[in-house]
């Protein structure tokens, strides 16, 4: 039975020998290190990491997936993973953003591949 409707829009997926998140999915597109897959049971679309990260991100507009920007979802997932942001400012010289909880750096400097995002 499909669990898509009960899952958050960004879901951590495991890369081990257990049954995989995308059992019963059909690949309908790919680019670089992600694939667009469709659940055969409910018809929902998910962008699945291939060879990185381990995230499945719900895609509400599959027809425009080639322009889909997953970085905001990845940034929010990272903030959620760390338990949010904390008071104070990032330790990076000249940065006035809030740091991730338990860290001295903001998400932009802790994970520079997402640093283009603004607050």
N, C-alpha and C. Protein backbone atom coordinates (compact mmCIF):
# COMPACT_ATOMS: atom_id res chain seq x y z
N UNK A 1 0.84 -1.19 0.00
CA UNK A 1 0.00 0.00 0.00
C UNK A 1 0.88 1.25 0.00
N UNK A 2 0.52 2.20 -0.77
CA UNK A 2 1.24 3.46 -0.93
C UNK A 2 1.12 4.33 0.32
N UNK A 3 2.22 5.00 0.67
CA UNK A 3 2.25 5.89 1.83
C UNK A 3 2.43 7.35 1.44
N UNK A 4 2.40 7.67 0.17
CA UNK A 4 2.72 9.01 -0.32
C UNK A 4 1.94 10.11 0.40
N UNK A 5 0.63 9.95 0.53
CA UNK A 5 -0.21 11.00 1.11
C UNK A 5 0.15 11.30 2.56
N UNK A 6 0.71 10.34 3.28
CA UNK A 6 1.03 10.54 4.69
C UNK A 6 2.45 11.08 4.92
N UNK A 7 3.24 11.20 3.86
CA UNK A 7 4.63 11.63 4.00
C UNK A 7 4.77 13.13 3.85
N UNK A 8 5.77 13.71 4.54
CA UNK A 8 6.05 15.14 4.33
C UNK A 8 6.58 15.38 2.92
N UNK A 9 6.56 16.63 2.48
CA UNK A 9 7.01 16.97 1.12
C UNK A 9 8.48 16.66 0.88
N UNK A 10 9.28 16.66 1.94
CA UNK A 10 10.68 16.27 1.85
C UNK A 10 10.86 15.10 2.80
N UNK A 11 11.24 13.97 2.27
CA UNK A 11 11.34 12.73 3.03
C UNK A 11 12.74 12.15 2.92
N UNK A 12 13.33 11.82 4.06
CA UNK A 12 14.62 11.14 4.07
C UNK A 12 14.39 9.70 3.61
N UNK A 13 15.27 9.21 2.74
CA UNK A 13 15.14 7.83 2.28
C UNK A 13 16.44 7.10 2.58
N UNK A 14 16.33 5.82 2.85
CA UNK A 14 17.48 4.99 3.23
C UNK A 14 18.10 4.35 2.00
N UNK A 15 19.41 4.17 2.07
CA UNK A 15 20.13 3.48 1.01
C UNK A 15 20.76 2.21 1.59
N UNK A 16 19.92 1.26 1.94
CA UNK A 16 20.42 -0.01 2.46
C UNK A 16 19.69 -1.15 1.78
N UNK A 17 19.74 -2.32 2.35
CA UNK A 17 19.12 -3.48 1.71
C UNK A 17 17.64 -3.65 2.04
N UNK A 18 17.08 -2.74 2.83
CA UNK A 18 15.66 -2.83 3.17
C UNK A 18 14.81 -2.41 1.97
N UNK A 19 13.51 -2.70 2.02
CA UNK A 19 12.65 -2.24 0.91
C UNK A 19 12.80 -0.73 0.73
N UNK A 20 12.83 -0.29 -0.50
CA UNK A 20 13.11 1.11 -0.77
C UNK A 20 11.84 1.95 -0.85
N UNK A 21 12.03 3.23 -0.61
CA UNK A 21 10.94 4.20 -0.67
C UNK A 21 10.18 4.09 -1.99
N UNK A 22 10.91 3.93 -3.06
CA UNK A 22 10.30 4.03 -4.38
C UNK A 22 9.91 2.69 -5.02
N UNK A 23 9.72 1.65 -4.21
CA UNK A 23 9.17 0.40 -4.76
C UNK A 23 7.79 0.72 -5.32
N UNK A 24 7.53 0.30 -6.53
CA UNK A 24 6.23 0.58 -7.16
C UNK A 24 6.20 1.92 -7.88
N UNK A 25 7.36 2.53 -8.06
CA UNK A 25 7.46 3.80 -8.78
C UNK A 25 8.01 3.54 -10.18
N UNK A 26 7.69 4.42 -11.10
CA UNK A 26 8.21 4.37 -12.45
C UNK A 26 9.02 5.63 -12.70
N UNK A 27 10.23 5.48 -13.23
CA UNK A 27 11.03 6.65 -13.57
C UNK A 27 10.45 7.30 -14.82
N UNK A 28 10.23 8.61 -14.75
CA UNK A 28 9.67 9.33 -15.90
C UNK A 28 10.60 10.44 -16.39
N UNK A 29 11.71 10.67 -15.68
CA UNK A 29 12.67 11.68 -16.10
C UNK A 29 13.92 11.61 -15.25
N UNK A 30 15.01 12.12 -15.80
CA UNK A 30 16.23 12.20 -15.00
C UNK A 30 17.07 13.37 -15.46
N UNK A 31 17.89 13.85 -14.52
CA UNK A 31 18.88 14.90 -14.81
C UNK A 31 19.95 14.80 -13.73
N UNK A 32 21.17 14.93 -14.13
CA UNK A 32 22.32 14.86 -13.24
C UNK A 32 22.14 13.77 -12.19
N UNK A 33 21.96 14.15 -10.92
CA UNK A 33 21.91 13.15 -9.85
C UNK A 33 20.54 13.03 -9.19
N UNK A 34 19.48 13.32 -9.94
CA UNK A 34 18.11 13.14 -9.45
C UNK A 34 17.25 12.53 -10.56
N UNK A 35 16.21 11.84 -10.12
CA UNK A 35 15.25 11.27 -11.07
C UNK A 35 13.85 11.69 -10.66
N UNK A 36 12.98 11.86 -11.63
CA UNK A 36 11.57 12.09 -11.38
C UNK A 36 10.88 10.75 -11.50
N UNK A 37 10.17 10.37 -10.44
CA UNK A 37 9.48 9.08 -10.43
C UNK A 37 8.02 9.29 -10.05
N UNK A 38 7.18 8.41 -10.59
CA UNK A 38 5.74 8.46 -10.37
C UNK A 38 5.30 7.22 -9.61
N UNK A 39 4.54 7.43 -8.53
CA UNK A 39 3.98 6.31 -7.78
C UNK A 39 2.85 5.71 -8.61
N UNK A 40 2.95 4.43 -8.89
CA UNK A 40 1.94 3.76 -9.71
C UNK A 40 0.60 3.65 -9.00
N UNK A 41 0.60 3.66 -7.68
CA UNK A 41 -0.65 3.50 -6.94
C UNK A 41 -1.45 4.80 -6.84
N UNK A 42 -0.79 5.90 -6.45
CA UNK A 42 -1.53 7.14 -6.22
C UNK A 42 -1.30 8.20 -7.29
N UNK A 43 -0.26 8.03 -8.11
CA UNK A 43 0.01 8.98 -9.19
C UNK A 43 0.84 10.18 -8.79
N UNK A 44 1.29 10.26 -7.53
CA UNK A 44 2.12 11.38 -7.12
C UNK A 44 3.51 11.26 -7.70
N UNK A 45 4.14 12.43 -7.88
CA UNK A 45 5.49 12.49 -8.42
C UNK A 45 6.47 12.89 -7.33
N UNK A 46 7.65 12.28 -7.38
CA UNK A 46 8.71 12.54 -6.41
C UNK A 46 10.03 12.68 -7.15
N UNK A 47 10.82 13.65 -6.72
CA UNK A 47 12.20 13.74 -7.18
C UNK A 47 13.04 12.95 -6.19
N UNK A 48 13.78 11.98 -6.69
CA UNK A 48 14.55 11.06 -5.86
C UNK A 48 16.04 11.31 -6.10
N UNK A 49 16.80 11.48 -5.00
CA UNK A 49 18.25 11.61 -5.11
C UNK A 49 18.84 10.30 -5.61
N UNK A 50 19.78 10.40 -6.52
CA UNK A 50 20.50 9.24 -7.02
C UNK A 50 21.98 9.55 -6.82
N UNK A 51 22.59 8.84 -5.90
CA UNK A 51 24.00 9.02 -5.66
C UNK A 51 24.36 10.21 -4.79
N UNK A 52 23.39 10.82 -4.12
CA UNK A 52 23.68 11.91 -3.19
C UNK A 52 22.53 12.05 -2.21
N UNK A 53 22.77 12.69 -1.13
CA UNK A 53 21.75 13.15 -0.22
C UNK A 53 20.88 12.12 0.44
N UNK A 54 20.04 11.48 -0.29
CA UNK A 54 19.08 10.57 0.28
C UNK A 54 17.75 11.21 0.57
N UNK A 55 17.31 12.12 -0.31
CA UNK A 55 16.02 12.78 -0.13
C UNK A 55 15.07 12.44 -1.26
N UNK A 56 13.80 12.39 -0.91
CA UNK A 56 12.73 12.33 -1.89
C UNK A 56 11.92 13.61 -1.68
N UNK A 57 11.72 14.37 -2.75
CA UNK A 57 11.02 15.65 -2.67
C UNK A 57 9.79 15.58 -3.56
N UNK A 58 8.62 15.83 -2.95
CA UNK A 58 7.36 15.79 -3.70
C UNK A 58 7.38 16.88 -4.79
N UNK A 59 6.94 16.52 -5.98
CA UNK A 59 6.87 17.45 -7.11
C UNK A 59 5.40 17.61 -7.48
N UNK A 60 4.88 18.80 -7.23
CA UNK A 60 3.47 19.06 -7.49
C UNK A 60 3.16 19.41 -8.94
N UNK A 61 4.17 19.87 -9.68
CA UNK A 61 3.97 20.24 -11.07
C UNK A 61 4.99 19.50 -11.95
N UNK A 62 4.74 18.21 -12.19
CA UNK A 62 5.72 17.41 -12.94
C UNK A 62 5.97 17.92 -14.36
N UNK A 63 5.01 18.59 -14.94
CA UNK A 63 5.18 19.09 -16.31
C UNK A 63 6.26 20.17 -16.39
N UNK A 64 6.57 20.82 -15.27
CA UNK A 64 7.63 21.84 -15.27
C UNK A 64 8.84 21.38 -14.42
N UNK A 65 8.99 20.07 -14.24
CA UNK A 65 10.06 19.54 -13.41
C UNK A 65 11.44 19.94 -13.92
N UNK A 66 11.61 20.13 -15.20
CA UNK A 66 12.93 20.50 -15.72
C UNK A 66 13.40 21.84 -15.16
N UNK A 67 12.47 22.67 -14.70
CA UNK A 67 12.82 23.96 -14.08
C UNK A 67 12.68 23.92 -12.56
N UNK A 68 12.31 22.78 -11.99
CA UNK A 68 12.07 22.65 -10.55
C UNK A 68 13.35 22.93 -9.78
N UNK A 69 13.28 23.87 -8.84
CA UNK A 69 14.43 24.23 -8.00
C UNK A 69 14.24 23.59 -6.64
N UNK A 70 15.04 22.58 -6.35
CA UNK A 70 14.89 21.84 -5.10
C UNK A 70 15.65 22.47 -3.93
N UNK A 71 16.43 23.50 -4.16
CA UNK A 71 17.26 24.06 -3.10
C UNK A 71 16.46 24.63 -1.92
N UNK A 72 15.34 25.31 -2.11
CA UNK A 72 14.58 25.76 -0.94
C UNK A 72 14.13 24.58 -0.06
N UNK A 73 13.69 23.49 -0.67
CA UNK A 73 13.26 22.31 0.10
C UNK A 73 14.44 21.71 0.84
N UNK A 74 15.59 21.64 0.20
CA UNK A 74 16.79 21.10 0.84
C UNK A 74 17.23 21.99 2.00
N UNK A 75 17.15 23.30 1.82
CA UNK A 75 17.53 24.24 2.88
C UNK A 75 16.62 24.06 4.09
N UNK A 76 15.31 23.99 3.85
CA UNK A 76 14.38 23.83 4.97
C UNK A 76 14.58 22.49 5.66
N UNK A 77 14.85 21.44 4.89
CA UNK A 77 15.12 20.14 5.48
C UNK A 77 16.34 20.19 6.39
N UNK A 78 17.37 20.91 5.96
CA UNK A 78 18.58 21.06 6.76
C UNK A 78 18.27 21.82 8.06
N UNK A 79 17.49 22.89 7.98
CA UNK A 79 17.12 23.66 9.17
C UNK A 79 16.32 22.78 10.12
N UNK A 80 15.37 22.03 9.57
CA UNK A 80 14.57 21.13 10.40
C UNK A 80 15.43 20.05 11.05
N UNK A 81 16.37 19.50 10.30
CA UNK A 81 17.27 18.46 10.80
C UNK A 81 18.05 18.95 12.02
N UNK A 82 18.47 20.19 11.98
CA UNK A 82 19.25 20.77 13.08
C UNK A 82 18.38 21.31 14.20
N UNK A 83 17.08 21.23 14.06
CA UNK A 83 16.19 21.72 15.11
C UNK A 83 15.92 23.20 15.02
N UNK A 84 16.15 23.78 13.88
CA UNK A 84 15.86 25.19 13.66
C UNK A 84 17.11 26.06 13.72
N UNK A 85 16.84 27.34 13.85
CA UNK A 85 17.90 28.33 13.96
C UNK A 85 17.97 28.78 15.41
N UNK A 86 19.07 29.40 15.78
CA UNK A 86 19.23 29.86 17.15
C UNK A 86 19.53 31.36 17.16
N UNK A 87 19.45 31.95 18.32
CA UNK A 87 19.74 33.37 18.47
C UNK A 87 21.21 33.64 18.16
N UNK A 88 21.53 34.86 17.88
CA UNK A 88 22.89 35.25 17.59
C UNK A 88 23.11 35.41 16.11
N UNK A 89 24.35 35.50 15.73
CA UNK A 89 24.68 35.65 14.32
C UNK A 89 25.74 34.63 13.92
N UNK A 90 25.75 34.36 12.67
CA UNK A 90 26.70 33.41 12.07
C UNK A 90 28.12 33.86 12.37
N UNK A 91 29.00 32.91 12.60
CA UNK A 91 30.41 33.19 12.89
C UNK A 91 31.20 33.60 11.65
N UNK A 92 30.61 33.46 10.47
CA UNK A 92 31.29 33.83 9.24
C UNK A 92 31.44 35.35 9.21
N UNK A 93 32.63 35.83 8.93
CA UNK A 93 32.90 37.27 8.93
C UNK A 93 31.92 38.02 8.03
N UNK A 94 31.25 39.00 8.61
CA UNK A 94 30.34 39.86 7.85
C UNK A 94 28.94 39.30 7.64
N UNK A 95 28.66 38.11 8.12
CA UNK A 95 27.34 37.51 7.95
C UNK A 95 26.47 37.83 9.16
N UNK A 96 25.24 38.28 8.91
CA UNK A 96 24.34 38.60 10.02
C UNK A 96 23.15 37.65 10.12
N UNK A 97 23.24 36.49 9.44
CA UNK A 97 22.16 35.49 9.52
C UNK A 97 22.25 34.72 10.83
N UNK A 98 21.13 34.11 11.21
CA UNK A 98 21.10 33.26 12.41
C UNK A 98 21.76 31.92 12.13
N UNK A 99 22.52 31.40 13.10
CA UNK A 99 23.15 30.09 12.91
C UNK A 99 22.16 28.94 13.13
N UNK A 100 22.52 27.80 12.59
CA UNK A 100 21.77 26.58 12.86
C UNK A 100 21.91 26.22 14.33
N UNK A 101 20.88 25.65 14.90
CA UNK A 101 20.92 25.24 16.30
C UNK A 101 22.08 24.26 16.50
N UNK A 102 22.90 24.53 17.50
CA UNK A 102 24.03 23.67 17.81
C UNK A 102 25.25 23.90 16.94
N UNK A 103 25.19 24.91 16.09
CA UNK A 103 26.33 25.22 15.21
C UNK A 103 26.63 26.71 15.30
N UNK A 104 27.80 27.09 14.86
CA UNK A 104 28.19 28.49 14.83
C UNK A 104 27.87 29.16 13.51
N UNK A 105 27.56 28.34 12.49
CA UNK A 105 27.34 28.87 11.15
C UNK A 105 25.87 28.82 10.75
N UNK A 106 25.48 29.76 9.92
CA UNK A 106 24.14 29.76 9.32
C UNK A 106 24.09 28.68 8.24
N UNK A 107 22.90 28.34 7.76
CA UNK A 107 22.81 27.32 6.71
C UNK A 107 23.60 27.66 5.45
N UNK A 108 23.68 28.95 5.13
CA UNK A 108 24.37 29.37 3.91
C UNK A 108 25.87 29.09 3.98
N UNK A 109 26.44 29.20 5.17
CA UNK A 109 27.88 28.98 5.30
C UNK A 109 28.20 27.56 5.76
N UNK A 110 27.28 26.91 6.44
CA UNK A 110 27.49 25.51 6.83
C UNK A 110 27.39 24.60 5.61
N UNK A 111 26.56 24.99 4.65
CA UNK A 111 26.34 24.20 3.44
C UNK A 111 26.40 25.14 2.24
N UNK A 112 27.60 25.50 1.79
CA UNK A 112 27.74 26.53 0.76
C UNK A 112 27.06 26.21 -0.57
N UNK A 113 26.77 24.93 -0.86
CA UNK A 113 26.09 24.64 -2.13
C UNK A 113 24.66 25.19 -2.15
N UNK A 114 24.17 25.63 -0.98
CA UNK A 114 22.84 26.24 -0.89
C UNK A 114 22.93 27.75 -0.60
N UNK A 115 24.13 28.31 -0.64
CA UNK A 115 24.35 29.67 -0.17
C UNK A 115 23.71 30.76 -1.03
N UNK A 116 23.21 30.43 -2.17
CA UNK A 116 22.57 31.44 -3.02
C UNK A 116 21.23 31.88 -2.42
N UNK A 117 20.65 31.09 -1.52
CA UNK A 117 19.34 31.41 -0.97
C UNK A 117 19.43 32.61 -0.03
N UNK A 118 18.43 33.46 -0.09
CA UNK A 118 18.38 34.60 0.82
C UNK A 118 17.38 34.31 1.94
N UNK A 119 17.47 35.06 3.03
CA UNK A 119 16.56 34.88 4.16
C UNK A 119 15.19 35.41 3.83
